[in-house]
Amino acid sequence: MFDTHDAEVLDLRELFAVPWEGVASLWRPLWARWVPAPSTDQVEAAAQAMLGRRVESIRALAETQEAEREKTDELAAAKRTAATAYTEATRQGWSAAELDELGFQRPRATRRRVRKRAAKPDSNNGAPSAPEKADHAGNSRDAVPAADTTEVKPSL
């Protein structure tokens, strides 16, 4: 076959150092061809259009919730006014039964929030806050007498 001992080594640097002569054309498959990229303005306009629909829905939601809050506040103010008027009518001599006969409903009492007060820390670091008073025998006057611990057995 081929005798590799006598063959000269092909240097690729020499082969490709001189440009080829003639016309060369490269064929690319469809998937590898350039696709023209959209401009920045086109991309921005498309993104704004997509976000515009989402922003419009959020804007509508915010407007309806704001209107709901306003109506709720108006309703609360009207209830307070009606309760004040009902109270004034009872002060003027109308009874609750008479107002019920006329079709006026007694206003519902609102629940008041009760805040728990924070416990004040003792300044004595655990020591009793008031000194115990002792009589001349040394017994404490403020001490609670011990409970009777005798057992009572039921009789059969």
C-alpha atoms as a PDB file:
ATOM      1  CA  MET A   1       0.000   0.000   0.000  1.00  0.00           C
ATOM      2  CA  PHE A   2       1.519   3.288   1.103  1.00  0.00           C
ATOM      3  CA  ASP A   3       4.985   3.586   2.309  1.00  0.00           C
ATOM      4  CA  THR A   4       5.032   6.317   4.924  1.00  0.00           C
ATOM      5  CA  HIS A   5       8.777   6.319   5.404  1.00  0.00           C
ATOM      6  CA  ASP A   6       9.578   7.903   2.071  1.00  0.00           C
ATOM      7  CA  ALA A   7       6.563  10.325   2.033  1.00  0.00           C
ATOM      8  CA  GLU A   8       7.029  13.972   2.613  1.00  0.00           C
ATOM      9  CA  VAL A   9       5.030  15.537   5.494  1.00  0.00           C
ATOM     10  CA  LEU A  10       2.346  17.930   4.356  1.00  0.00           C
ATOM     11  CA  ASP A  11       2.589  21.313   6.082  1.00  0.00           C
ATOM     12  CA  LEU A  12      -0.875  22.850   6.323  1.00  0.00           C
ATOM     13  CA  ARG A  13       0.563  26.290   7.087  1.00  0.00           C
ATOM     14  CA  GLU A  14       2.096  26.409   3.626  1.00  0.00           C
ATOM     15  CA  LEU A  15      -1.023  25.043   1.999  1.00  0.00           C
ATOM     16  CA  PHE A  16      -3.377  27.685   3.472  1.00  0.00           C
ATOM     17  CA  ALA A  17      -0.910  30.577   3.479  1.00  0.00           C
ATOM     18  CA  VAL A  18      -1.684  31.438  -0.134  1.00  0.00           C
ATOM     19  CA  PRO A  19      -5.346  32.328  -0.762  1.00  0.00           C
ATOM     20  CA  TRP A  20      -7.248  30.224  -3.192  1.00  0.00           C
ATOM     21  CA  GLU A  21      -8.026  31.469  -6.609  1.00  0.00           C
ATOM     22  CA  GLY A  22     -11.520  31.469  -8.011  1.00  0.00           C
ATOM     23  CA  VAL A  23     -15.042  32.048  -6.742  1.00  0.00           C
ATOM     24  CA  ALA A  24     -16.159  30.213  -3.654  1.00  0.00           C
ATOM     25  CA  SER A  25     -19.655  30.088  -2.291  1.00  0.00           C
ATOM     26  CA  LEU A  26     -20.830  28.622   0.955  1.00  0.00           C
ATOM     27  CA  TRP A  27     -24.279  27.127   1.287  1.00  0.00           C
ATOM     28  CA  ARG A  28     -25.868  27.250   4.703  1.00  0.00           C
ATOM     29  CA  PRO A  29     -28.876  25.228   5.763  1.00  0.00           C
ATOM     30  CA  LEU A  30     -32.064  27.163   6.488  1.00  0.00           C
ATOM     31  CA  TRP A  31     -31.742  26.808  10.235  1.00  0.00           C
ATOM     32  CA  ALA A  32     -28.259  28.343  10.246  1.00  0.00           C
ATOM     33  CA  ARG A  33     -29.052  31.425   8.109  1.00  0.00           C
ATOM     34  CA  TRP A  34     -29.167  34.907   9.517  1.00  0.00           C
ATOM     35  CA  VAL A  35     -32.503  35.957  10.923  1.00  0.00           C
ATOM     36  CA  PRO A  36     -32.813  39.701  10.957  1.00  0.00           C
ATOM     37  CA  ALA A  37     -32.952  40.821  14.593  1.00  0.00           C
ATOM     38  CA  PRO A  38     -35.678  43.313  15.472  1.00  0.00           C
ATOM     39  CA  SER A  39     -34.557  46.780  16.385  1.00  0.00           C
ATOM     40  CA  THR A  40     -34.509  47.981  19.966  1.00  0.00           C
ATOM     41  CA  ASP A  41     -37.513  50.197  19.310  1.00  0.00           C
ATOM     42  CA  GLN A  42     -39.521  47.264  17.971  1.00  0.00           C
ATOM     43  CA  VAL A  43     -38.669  45.129  20.989  1.00  0.00           C
ATOM     44  CA  GLU A  44     -39.540  47.943  23.387  1.00  0.00           C
ATOM     45  CA  ALA A  45     -42.863  48.616  21.633  1.00  0.00           C
ATOM     46  CA  ALA A  46     -43.789  44.912  21.755  1.00  0.00           C
ATOM     47  CA  ALA A  47     -42.902  44.711  25.457  1.00  0.00           C
ATOM     48  CA  GLN A  48     -44.947  47.846  26.217  1.00  0.00           C
ATOM     49  CA  ALA A  49     -47.932  46.364  24.376  1.00  0.00           C
ATOM     50  CA  MET A  50     -47.675  43.147  26.380  1.00  0.00           C
ATOM     51  CA  LEU A  51     -47.287  44.983  29.676  1.00  0.00           C
ATOM     52  CA  GLY A  52     -49.923  47.549  28.734  1.00  0.00           C
ATOM     53  CA  ARG A  53     -52.699  44.967  28.964  1.00  0.00           C
ATOM     54  CA  ARG A  54     -51.437  43.804  32.343  1.00  0.00           C
ATOM     55  CA  VAL A  55     -51.069  47.344  33.659  1.00  0.00           C
ATOM     56  CA  GLU A  56     -54.603  48.212  32.515  1.00  0.00           C
ATOM     57  CA  SER A  57     -56.049  45.306  34.512  1.00  0.00           C
ATOM     58  CA  ILE A  58     -54.118  46.336  37.637  1.00  0.00           C
ATOM     59  CA  ARG A  59     -55.225  49.951  37.202  1.00  0.00           C
ATOM     60  CA  ALA A  60     -58.879  48.832  36.966  1.00  0.00           C
ATOM     61  CA  LEU A  61     -58.460  46.676  40.084  1.00  0.00           C
ATOM     62  CA  ALA A  62     -56.931  49.554  42.042  1.00  0.00           C
ATOM     63  CA  GLU A  63     -59.711  51.932  40.987  1.00  0.00           C
ATOM     64  CA  THR A  64     -62.469  49.522  42.029  1.00  0.00           C
ATOM     65  CA  GLN A  65     -60.857  48.837  45.392  1.00  0.00           C
ATOM     66  CA  GLU A  66     -60.463  52.567  46.015  1.00  0.00           C
ATOM     67  CA  ALA A  67     -64.156  53.082  45.182  1.00  0.00           C
ATOM     68  CA  GLU A  68     -65.052  50.220  47.540  1.00  0.00           C
ATOM     69  CA  ARG A  69     -63.030  51.823  50.368  1.00  0.00           C
ATOM     70  CA  GLU A  70     -64.741  55.166  49.774  1.00  0.00           C
ATOM     71  CA  LYS A  71     -68.210  53.576  49.825  1.00  0.00           C
ATOM     72  CA  THR A  72     -67.339  51.621  52.979  1.00  0.00           C
ATOM     73  CA  ASP A  73     -66.232  54.844  54.678  1.00  0.00           C
ATOM     74  CA  GLU A  74     -69.436  56.579  53.568  1.00  0.00           C
ATOM     75  CA  LEU A  75     -71.522  53.682  54.918  1.00  0.00           C
ATOM     76  CA  ALA A  76     -69.718  53.795  58.277  1.00  0.00           C
ATOM     77  CA  ALA A  77     -70.306  57.568  58.502  1.00  0.00           C
ATOM     78  CA  ALA A  78     -74.007  57.108  57.655  1.00  0.00           C
ATOM     79  CA  LYS A  79     -74.351  54.420  60.340  1.00  0.00           C
ATOM     80  CA  ARG A  80     -72.753  56.720  62.936  1.00  0.00           C
ATOM     81  CA  THR A  81     -75.111  59.539  61.938  1.00  0.00           C
ATOM     82  CA  ALA A  82     -78.145  57.225  62.150  1.00  0.00           C
ATOM     83  CA  ALA A  83     -77.060  55.958  65.578  1.00  0.00           C
ATOM     84  CA  THR A  84     -76.641  59.540  66.816  1.00  0.00           C
ATOM     85  CA  ALA A  85     -80.090  60.476  65.502  1.00  0.00           C
ATOM     86  CA  TYR A  86     -81.662  57.391  67.136  1.00  0.00           C
ATOM     87  CA  THR A  87     -80.031  58.248  70.462  1.00  0.00           C
ATOM     88  CA  GLU A  88     -81.222  61.851  70.179  1.00  0.00           C
ATOM     89  CA  ALA A  89     -84.780  60.626  69.487  1.00  0.00           C
ATOM     90  CA  THR A  90     -84.727  58.455  72.638  1.00  0.00           C
ATOM     91  CA  ARG A  91     -83.454  61.435  74.647  1.00  0.00           C
ATOM     92  CA  GLN A  92     -86.365  63.513  73.341  1.00  0.00           C
ATOM     93  CA  GLY A  93     -88.802  61.000  74.836  1.00  0.00           C
ATOM     94  CA  TRP A  94     -89.375  58.392  72.158  1.00  0.00           C
ATOM     95  CA  SER A  95     -89.223  54.818  73.435  1.00  0.00           C
ATOM     96  CA  ALA A  96     -87.491  52.019  71.598  1.00  0.00           C
ATOM     97  CA  ALA A  97     -90.842  50.234  71.125  1.00  0.00           C
ATOM     98  CA  GLU A  98     -92.399  53.343  69.530  1.00  0.00           C
ATOM     99  CA  LEU A  99     -89.439  53.744  67.190  1.00  0.00           C
ATOM    100  CA  ASP A 100     -89.699  50.053  66.264  1.00  0.00           C
ATOM    101  CA  GLU A 101     -93.402  50.519  65.437  1.00  0.00           C
ATOM    102  CA  LEU A 102     -92.495  53.394  63.139  1.00  0.00           C
ATOM    103  CA  GLY A 103     -89.983  51.152  61.336  1.00  0.00           C
ATOM    104  CA  PHE A 104     -86.733  52.479  62.779  1.00  0.00           C
ATOM    105  CA  GLN A 105     -84.218  49.824  63.653  1.00  0.00           C
ATOM    106  CA  ARG A 106     -82.144  50.097  66.784  1.00  0.00           C
ATOM    107  CA  PRO A 107     -78.503  50.702  65.780  1.00  0.00           C
ATOM    108  CA  ARG A 108     -76.156  47.870  66.551  1.00  0.00           C
ATOM    109  CA  ALA A 109     -73.516  48.538  69.123  1.00  0.00           C
ATOM    110  CA  THR A 110     -70.007  48.470  67.731  1.00  0.00           C
ATOM    111  CA  ARG A 111     -67.386  46.403  69.435  1.00  0.00           C
ATOM    112  CA  ARG A 112     -64.709  48.385  71.118  1.00  0.00           C
ATOM    113  CA  ARG A 113     -61.206  47.123  70.991  1.00  0.00           C
ATOM    114  CA  VAL A 114     -59.708  46.670  74.415  1.00  0.00           C
ATOM    115  CA  ARG A 115     -55.989  47.039  74.517  1.00  0.00           C
ATOM    116  CA  LYS A 116     -54.111  45.101  77.103  1.00  0.00           C
ATOM    117  CA  ARG A 117     -51.795  47.195  79.150  1.00  0.00           C
ATOM    118  CA  ALA A 118     -48.221  46.143  79.347  1.00  0.00           C
ATOM    119  CA  ALA A 119     -47.090  44.969  82.761  1.00  0.00           C
ATOM    120  CA  LYS A 120     -44.809  47.449  84.450  1.00  0.00           C
ATOM    121  CA  PRO A 121     -41.529  45.932  85.533  1.00  0.00           C
ATOM    122  CA  ASP A 122     -40.808  46.003  89.255  1.00  0.00           C
ATOM    123  CA  SER A 123     -38.078  48.384  90.240  1.00  0.00           C
ATOM    124  CA  ASN A 124     -37.147  46.225  93.255  1.00  0.00           C
ATOM    125  CA  ASN A 125     -35.987  43.257  91.121  1.00  0.00           C
ATOM    126  CA  GLY A 126     -38.340  40.689  92.606  1.00  0.00           C
ATOM    127  CA  ALA A 127     -38.577  42.115  96.122  1.00  0.00           C
ATOM    128  CA  PRO A 128     -42.085  42.698  97.502  1.00  0.00           C
ATOM    129  CA  SER A 129     -43.391  46.111  96.534  1.00  0.00           C
ATOM    130  CA  ALA A 130     -44.851  46.961  99.953  1.00  0.00           C
ATOM    131  CA  PRO A 131     -43.103  46.064 103.194  1.00  0.00           C
ATOM    132  CA  GLU A 132     -44.931  43.472 105.247  1.00  0.00           C
ATOM    133  CA  LYS A 133     -46.229  44.665 108.561  1.00  0.00           C
ATOM    134  CA  ALA A 134     -45.558  42.447 111.540  1.00  0.00           C
ATOM    135  CA  ASP A 135     -47.088  42.582 114.980  1.00  0.00           C
ATOM    136  CA  HIS A 136     -44.978  42.529 118.134  1.00  0.00           C
ATOM    137  CA  ALA A 137     -44.943  38.700 118.119  1.00  0.00           C
ATOM    138  CA  GLY A 138     -43.350  38.631 114.646  1.00  0.00           C
ATOM    139  CA  ASN A 139     -46.447  37.345 112.833  1.00  0.00           C
ATOM    140  CA  SER A 140     -47.236  38.980 109.555  1.00  0.00           C
ATOM    141  CA  ARG A 141     -50.535  40.883 109.527  1.00  0.00           C
ATOM    142  CA  ASP A 142     -50.866  40.725 105.730  1.00  0.00           C
ATOM    143  CA  ALA A 143     -50.232  37.005 105.513  1.00  0.00           C
ATOM    144  CA  VAL A 144     -53.171  34.867 104.506  1.00  0.00           C
ATOM    145  CA  PRO A 145     -54.063  32.229 107.097  1.00  0.00           C
ATOM    146  CA  ALA A 146     -53.369  28.680 105.991  1.00  0.00           C
ATOM    147  CA  ALA A 147     -56.328  26.641 104.816  1.00  0.00           C
ATOM    148  CA  ASP A 148     -57.696  23.905 107.037  1.00  0.00           C
ATOM    149  CA  THR A 149     -56.081  20.683 105.874  1.00  0.00           C
ATOM    150  CA  THR A 150     -58.017  18.242 108.028  1.00  0.00           C
ATOM    151  CA  GLU A 151     -59.725  15.550 106.044  1.00  0.00           C
ATOM    152  CA  VAL A 152     -63.366  14.828 106.517  1.00  0.00           C
ATOM    153  CA  LYS A 153     -64.257  11.190 106.015  1.00  0.00           C
ATOM    154  CA  PRO A 154     -67.788  10.519 104.908  1.00  0.00           C
ATOM    155  CA  SER A 155     -69.710   8.196 107.155  1.00  0.00           C
ATOM    156  CA  LEU A 156     -71.400   5.198 105.668  1.00  0.00           C
END
